[in-house]
Amino acid sequence: MNITFYNGNQMPKVGIGTFRVKNDEDAKSAVKHAIKNGYRSIDTAMIYQNEEMVGQGVHEALEETNLQRDDLFVTSKLWLTDYGYENVEAAYKASLNRLGLDRLDLYLMHWPGLDESLMVETWKGMEMLYEKGLVDNIGVSNFNVEHLDRLLSEAKIKPVINQVEYHPYLTQSRLKDYLEAQHIQMESWSPLMNAQILTDTVVNEIAREVNHSPAQVIIRWNIQNGVVTIPKSVTPSRINENINVFDFELTQDQMERLDQLNKDKRIGPNPLEFNGQ
């Protein structure tokens, strides 16, 4: 249930996302429940303002199970206000402090931003973290082909992953092909479109055909497309449902029917226009 990065490190194919989860008992309980029910990947970010309670959920799960820290894969992200080579390490260590961890498995630049030179300079700070052995993997989030071309023209170390908006209404085929050619893993945030995709007629037809829920169909579609995914939920039954996707497969016809739903429709900001405001 893992993928392997170009550097040989591995990451689970399905994790739990925590975007828009408040820094309260819900965050802690969701993360703890997820880990106790098979999840090994947890995704957060400084800007979500929930790292403290996510971290508590991790620690309580480890205390209450036979799992070790090395069994888990924890991701957080650098926000735009901390961009700049000289700011990266302090921001990273602040995230570690909030999470109560001594390292992250993956640290991402959260958005490219509108200043390409600052983007590249910040990436050099990410490379420094990696070279110092402070983090196991570094990557990016919400980068498009143009951003990556610019970054790779100066990078010493390629991102292992690009976490982007990806679902049947936004298949990003050009970006996906580019990432595959560069051996950079694609990861989808908000794969269920904040539940919008779950009412789609085709998705529901396929769900009936395979006797699984619409959410499970979408997550399975991600996996079969080679995309890591981090559906978010704080509801125990849905957390369980979202990882219970390894007991069935979609046919090529079903995959193609889902692919054909593409509308280039975003629910999040356009990376070419977003500066963090």
Protein backbone atom coordinates (compact mmCIF):
# COMPACT_ATOMS: atom_id res chain seq x y z
CA MET A 1 0.00 0.00 0.00
CA ASN A 2 3.03 2.26 -0.51
CA ILE A 3 4.55 4.12 -3.44
CA THR A 4 8.31 4.58 -3.80
CA PHE A 5 9.87 7.98 -4.49
CA TYR A 6 12.76 8.37 -6.91
CA ASN A 7 15.10 8.56 -3.87
CA GLY A 8 14.01 5.11 -2.69
CA ASN A 9 11.90 6.28 0.27
CA GLN A 10 8.29 5.16 0.51
CA MET A 11 4.94 6.78 1.28
CA PRO A 12 1.48 5.25 1.84
CA LYS A 13 -0.93 5.50 -1.09
CA VAL A 14 -3.74 6.78 1.15
CA GLY A 15 -3.45 9.17 4.10
CA ILE A 16 -5.69 11.37 6.18
CA GLY A 17 -5.90 15.07 5.35
CA THR A 18 -6.58 17.70 7.99
CA PHE A 19 -7.35 20.84 5.95
CA ARG A 20 -10.12 22.87 7.63
CA VAL A 21 -9.95 20.72 10.77
CA LYS A 22 -9.84 22.97 13.82
CA ASN A 23 -7.06 22.73 16.40
CA ASP A 24 -9.28 20.91 18.88
CA GLU A 25 -10.38 17.47 20.05
CA ASP A 26 -11.79 16.73 16.58
CA ALA A 27 -8.32 16.95 15.05
CA LYS A 28 -6.77 14.78 17.76
CA SER A 29 -9.57 12.21 17.67
CA ALA A 30 -9.62 11.99 13.87
CA VAL A 31 -5.87 11.43 13.63
CA LYS A 32 -5.86 8.92 16.49
CA HIS A 33 -8.82 7.01 15.06
CA ALA A 34 -7.23 6.99 11.60
CA ILE A 35 -3.94 5.57 12.86
CA LYS A 36 -5.71 2.93 14.94
CA ASN A 37 -7.70 1.90 11.85
CA GLY A 38 -4.93 1.42 9.36
CA TYR A 39 -3.78 4.86 8.26
CA ARG A 40 -0.04 5.44 8.34
CA SER A 41 0.11 8.84 6.58
CA ILE A 42 -1.01 12.11 8.19
CA ASP A 43 -1.01 15.43 6.34
CA THR A 44 -1.11 18.86 7.97
CA ALA A 45 0.34 22.34 7.39
CA MET A 46 1.33 25.39 9.37
CA ILE A 47 -1.49 27.42 7.81
CA TYR A 48 -4.11 24.86 8.95
CA GLN A 49 -3.28 25.97 12.50
CA ASN A 50 -3.90 22.49 13.86
CA GLU A 51 -0.41 21.03 14.13
CA GLU A 52 -0.56 20.87 17.94
CA MET A 53 -3.67 18.69 18.08
CA VAL A 54 -2.65 16.63 15.06
CA GLY A 55 0.61 15.95 16.88
CA GLN A 56 -1.27 14.97 20.04
CA GLY A 57 -3.34 12.52 18.01
CA VAL A 58 -0.14 10.98 16.66
CA HIS A 59 1.41 10.67 20.10
CA GLU A 60 -1.68 9.21 21.74
CA ALA A 61 -2.07 6.67 18.93
CA LEU A 62 1.54 5.58 19.37
CA GLU A 63 1.06 5.26 23.13
CA GLU A 64 -2.09 3.17 22.71
CA THR A 65 -0.84 0.80 19.98
CA ASN A 66 2.24 -1.27 19.20
CA LEU A 67 3.22 1.18 16.46
CA GLN A 68 6.51 3.08 16.45
CA ARG A 69 7.15 6.57 15.08
CA ASP A 70 8.92 5.00 12.08
CA ASP A 71 5.67 3.25 11.15
CA LEU A 72 4.04 6.62 10.41
CA PHE A 73 4.56 9.15 7.62
CA VAL A 74 3.89 12.74 8.72
CA THR A 75 3.75 15.68 6.30
CA SER A 76 3.60 19.41 6.97
CA LYS A 77 4.08 22.47 4.80
CA LEU A 78 5.93 25.77 4.65
CA TRP A 79 3.63 28.77 4.26
CA LEU A 80 4.33 31.72 1.95
CA THR A 81 4.99 34.15 4.82
CA ASP A 82 8.04 32.03 5.73
CA TYR A 83 9.48 31.92 2.21
CA GLY A 84 13.10 32.96 1.72
CA TYR A 85 16.22 30.83 2.20
CA GLU A 86 16.97 32.21 5.64
CA ASN A 87 13.45 31.52 6.99
CA VAL A 88 12.97 27.87 6.04
CA GLU A 89 14.80 26.12 8.86
CA ALA A 90 13.17 28.19 11.61
CA ALA A 91 9.70 27.61 10.12
CA TYR A 92 10.38 23.87 9.85
CA LYS A 93 11.55 23.66 13.45
CA ALA A 94 8.49 25.63 14.58
CA SER A 95 6.26 23.03 12.89
CA LEU A 96 8.21 20.23 14.57
CA ASN A 97 7.76 21.96 17.92
CA ARG A 98 4.01 22.32 17.45
CA LEU A 99 3.73 18.69 16.36
CA GLY A 100 5.99 17.46 19.15
CA LEU A 101 8.18 15.57 16.66
CA ASP A 102 11.91 15.54 16.04
CA ARG A 103 11.60 15.22 12.26
CA LEU A 104 9.08 15.08 9.43
CA ASP A 105 8.86 12.40 6.78
CA LEU A 106 7.90 15.02 4.20
CA TYR A 107 8.01 18.84 4.13
CA LEU A 108 6.40 20.76 1.28
CA MET A 109 6.47 24.29 -0.11
CA HIS A 110 2.74 24.94 0.12
CA TRP A 111 2.31 27.17 -2.98
CA PRO A 112 4.68 28.51 -5.64
CA GLY A 113 3.69 32.12 -4.96
CA LEU A 114 3.93 34.90 -7.53
CA ASP A 115 7.67 35.67 -7.18
CA GLU A 116 9.64 33.05 -9.09
CA SER A 117 13.02 34.11 -7.75
CA LEU A 118 11.71 33.86 -4.17
CA MET A 119 10.26 30.44 -5.02
CA VAL A 120 13.67 29.19 -6.21
CA GLU A 121 15.50 30.75 -3.25
CA THR A 122 13.05 29.10 -0.86
CA TRP A 123 13.55 25.74 -2.53
CA LYS A 124 17.28 26.10 -1.88
CA GLY A 125 16.37 26.43 1.80
CA MET A 126 14.36 23.20 1.50
CA GLU A 127 17.39 21.50 -0.08
CA MET A 128 19.49 22.68 2.86
CA LEU A 129 17.08 20.99 5.30
CA TYR A 130 17.39 17.76 3.36
CA GLU A 131 21.17 17.95 3.03
CA LYS A 132 21.49 18.52 6.79
CA GLY A 133 19.43 15.40 7.41
CA LEU A 134 16.69 17.32 9.20
CA VAL A 135 13.89 15.97 7.00
CA ASP A 136 13.47 12.68 5.15
CA ASN A 137 11.87 14.05 1.95
CA ILE A 138 11.14 17.46 0.41
CA GLY A 139 8.50 18.36 -2.12
CA VAL A 140 6.11 20.98 -3.39
CA SER A 141 2.38 21.61 -3.46
CA ASN A 142 0.20 23.36 -6.05
CA PHE A 143 3.03 23.75 -8.59
CA ASN A 144 2.14 23.62 -12.27
CA VAL A 145 4.39 22.70 -15.21
CA GLU A 146 5.76 26.23 -15.59
CA HIS A 147 6.65 26.49 -11.90
CA LEU A 148 8.39 23.12 -11.99
CA ASP A 149 10.33 23.98 -15.15
CA ARG A 150 11.66 27.09 -13.42
CA LEU A 151 12.43 25.24 -10.20
CA LEU A 152 14.17 22.30 -11.87
CA SER A 153 16.34 24.64 -13.93
CA GLU A 154 18.15 25.60 -10.69
CA ALA A 155 17.41 22.78 -8.25
CA LYS A 156 20.13 20.46 -7.00
CA ILE A 157 17.50 18.12 -5.53
CA LYS A 158 14.22 17.40 -7.28
CA PRO A 159 10.99 17.44 -5.29
CA VAL A 160 9.86 13.89 -4.56
CA ILE A 161 6.20 14.88 -4.80
CA ASN A 162 3.78 17.56 -5.97
CA GLN A 163 0.55 17.75 -3.97
CA VAL A 164 -2.16 19.36 -6.11
CA GLU A 165 -5.89 19.60 -6.58
CA TYR A 166 -6.88 16.47 -8.49
CA HIS A 167 -10.24 14.76 -8.95
CA PRO A 168 -12.39 13.59 -11.88
CA TYR A 169 -13.49 17.19 -12.60
CA LEU A 170 -9.82 18.35 -12.68
CA THR A 171 -7.61 15.58 -14.07
CA GLN A 172 -4.63 17.85 -14.88
CA SER A 173 -3.40 15.42 -17.55
CA ARG A 174 -0.61 17.71 -18.80
CA LEU A 175 0.78 18.12 -15.30
CA LYS A 176 0.35 14.42 -14.55
CA ASP A 177 2.30 13.43 -17.67
CA TYR A 178 5.04 15.93 -16.81
CA LEU A 179 5.39 14.60 -13.27
CA GLU A 180 5.58 11.01 -14.50
CA ALA A 181 8.31 11.96 -16.97
CA GLN A 182 10.26 13.65 -14.15
CA HIS A 183 9.69 10.75 -11.70
CA ILE A 184 7.96 13.16 -9.31
CA GLN A 185 5.03 11.57 -7.47
CA MET A 186 1.61 13.20 -7.84
CA GLU A 187 -0.58 13.57 -4.75
CA SER A 188 -4.17 14.80 -4.62
CA TRP A 189 -5.61 17.08 -1.97
CA SER A 190 -9.38 17.32 -1.55
CA PRO A 191 -9.92 14.31 -3.84
CA LEU A 192 -13.63 14.28 -2.99
CA MET A 193 -14.07 17.99 -3.85
CA ASN A 194 -15.48 18.73 -0.38
CA ALA A 195 -18.08 16.04 -1.18
CA GLN A 196 -19.23 17.77 -4.40
CA ILE A 197 -18.09 14.89 -6.62
CA LEU A 198 -20.02 12.37 -4.54
CA THR A 199 -23.35 13.35 -6.12
CA ASP A 200 -22.11 12.92 -9.69
CA THR A 201 -24.32 10.53 -11.69
CA VAL A 202 -21.46 8.58 -13.27
CA VAL A 203 -19.66 8.22 -9.95
CA ASN A 204 -22.83 6.83 -8.39
CA GLU A 205 -23.45 4.46 -11.31
CA ILE A 206 -19.97 3.01 -10.88
CA ALA A 207 -20.40 2.84 -7.10
CA ARG A 208 -23.46 0.63 -7.62
CA GLU A 209 -21.57 -1.51 -10.16
CA VAL A 210 -18.72 -2.25 -7.73
CA ASN A 211 -20.86 -2.28 -4.57
CA HIS A 212 -18.74 0.39 -2.87
CA SER A 213 -19.43 3.99 -1.87
CA PRO A 214 -18.90 6.95 -4.24
CA ALA A 215 -16.01 8.11 -2.02
CA GLN A 216 -14.34 4.70 -2.27
CA VAL A 217 -14.71 4.80 -6.05
CA ILE A 218 -12.94 8.17 -6.26
CA ILE A 219 -10.14 7.12 -3.92
CA ARG A 220 -9.70 3.88 -5.89
CA TRP A 221 -9.58 5.92 -9.13
CA ASN A 222 -6.74 7.97 -7.60
CA ILE A 223 -4.81 4.84 -6.60
CA GLN A 224 -5.21 3.16 -9.98
CA ASN A 225 -4.01 6.34 -11.65
CA GLY A 226 -0.85 6.14 -9.54
CA VAL A 227 -1.80 9.19 -7.46
CA VAL A 228 -1.30 9.34 -3.67
CA THR A 229 -4.38 10.74 -1.97
CA ILE A 230 -5.32 12.27 1.40
CA PRO A 231 -9.11 12.42 1.85
CA LYS A 232 -10.14 14.46 4.89
CA SER A 233 -12.78 13.47 7.40
CA VAL A 234 -13.35 13.76 11.14
CA THR A 235 -16.18 11.21 11.10
CA PRO A 236 -14.96 7.78 12.26
CA SER A 237 -17.16 5.79 9.87
CA ARG A 238 -15.99 7.85 6.89
CA ILE A 239 -12.36 7.66 7.98
CA ASN A 240 -12.74 3.87 7.95
CA GLU A 241 -14.57 3.90 4.62
CA ASN A 242 -11.93 6.04 2.91
CA ILE A 243 -9.10 3.58 3.50
CA ASN A 244 -11.13 0.45 2.81
CA VAL A 245 -10.34 0.57 -0.90
CA PHE A 246 -7.90 -2.28 -1.42
CA ASP A 247 -10.44 -5.07 -1.83
CA PHE A 248 -11.72 -4.11 -5.29
CA GLU A 249 -10.56 -2.72 -8.64
CA LEU A 250 -12.17 -0.50 -11.22
CA THR A 251 -12.22 -1.81 -14.77
CA GLN A 252 -10.55 0.10 -17.59
CA ASP A 253 -14.00 1.15 -18.81
CA GLN A 254 -14.94 2.50 -15.37
CA MET A 255 -11.63 4.36 -15.13
CA GLU A 256 -12.20 5.93 -18.53
CA ARG A 257 -15.74 6.97 -17.65
CA LEU A 258 -14.35 8.79 -14.61
CA ASP A 259 -11.54 10.36 -16.65
CA GLN A 260 -14.12 11.71 -19.08
CA LEU A 261 -15.77 13.75 -16.33
CA ASN A 262 -12.95 16.31 -16.53
CA LYS A 263 -14.19 19.92 -16.72
CA ASP A 264 -10.93 21.64 -15.66
CA LYS A 265 -12.99 22.73 -12.65
CA ARG A 266 -11.14 23.91 -9.54
CA ILE A 267 -12.51 24.29 -6.03
CA GLY A 268 -9.25 25.85 -4.82
CA PRO A 269 -7.20 28.80 -6.06
CA ASN A 270 -5.40 28.88 -9.39
CA PRO A 271 -1.66 28.49 -8.60
CA LEU A 272 -0.80 31.09 -11.24
CA GLU A 273 -2.79 33.73 -9.33
CA PHE A 274 -2.48 32.80 -5.64
CA ASN A 275 -0.18 34.77 -3.32
CA GLY A 276 -1.52 33.55 0.02
CA GLN A 277 -4.20 36.17 0.50
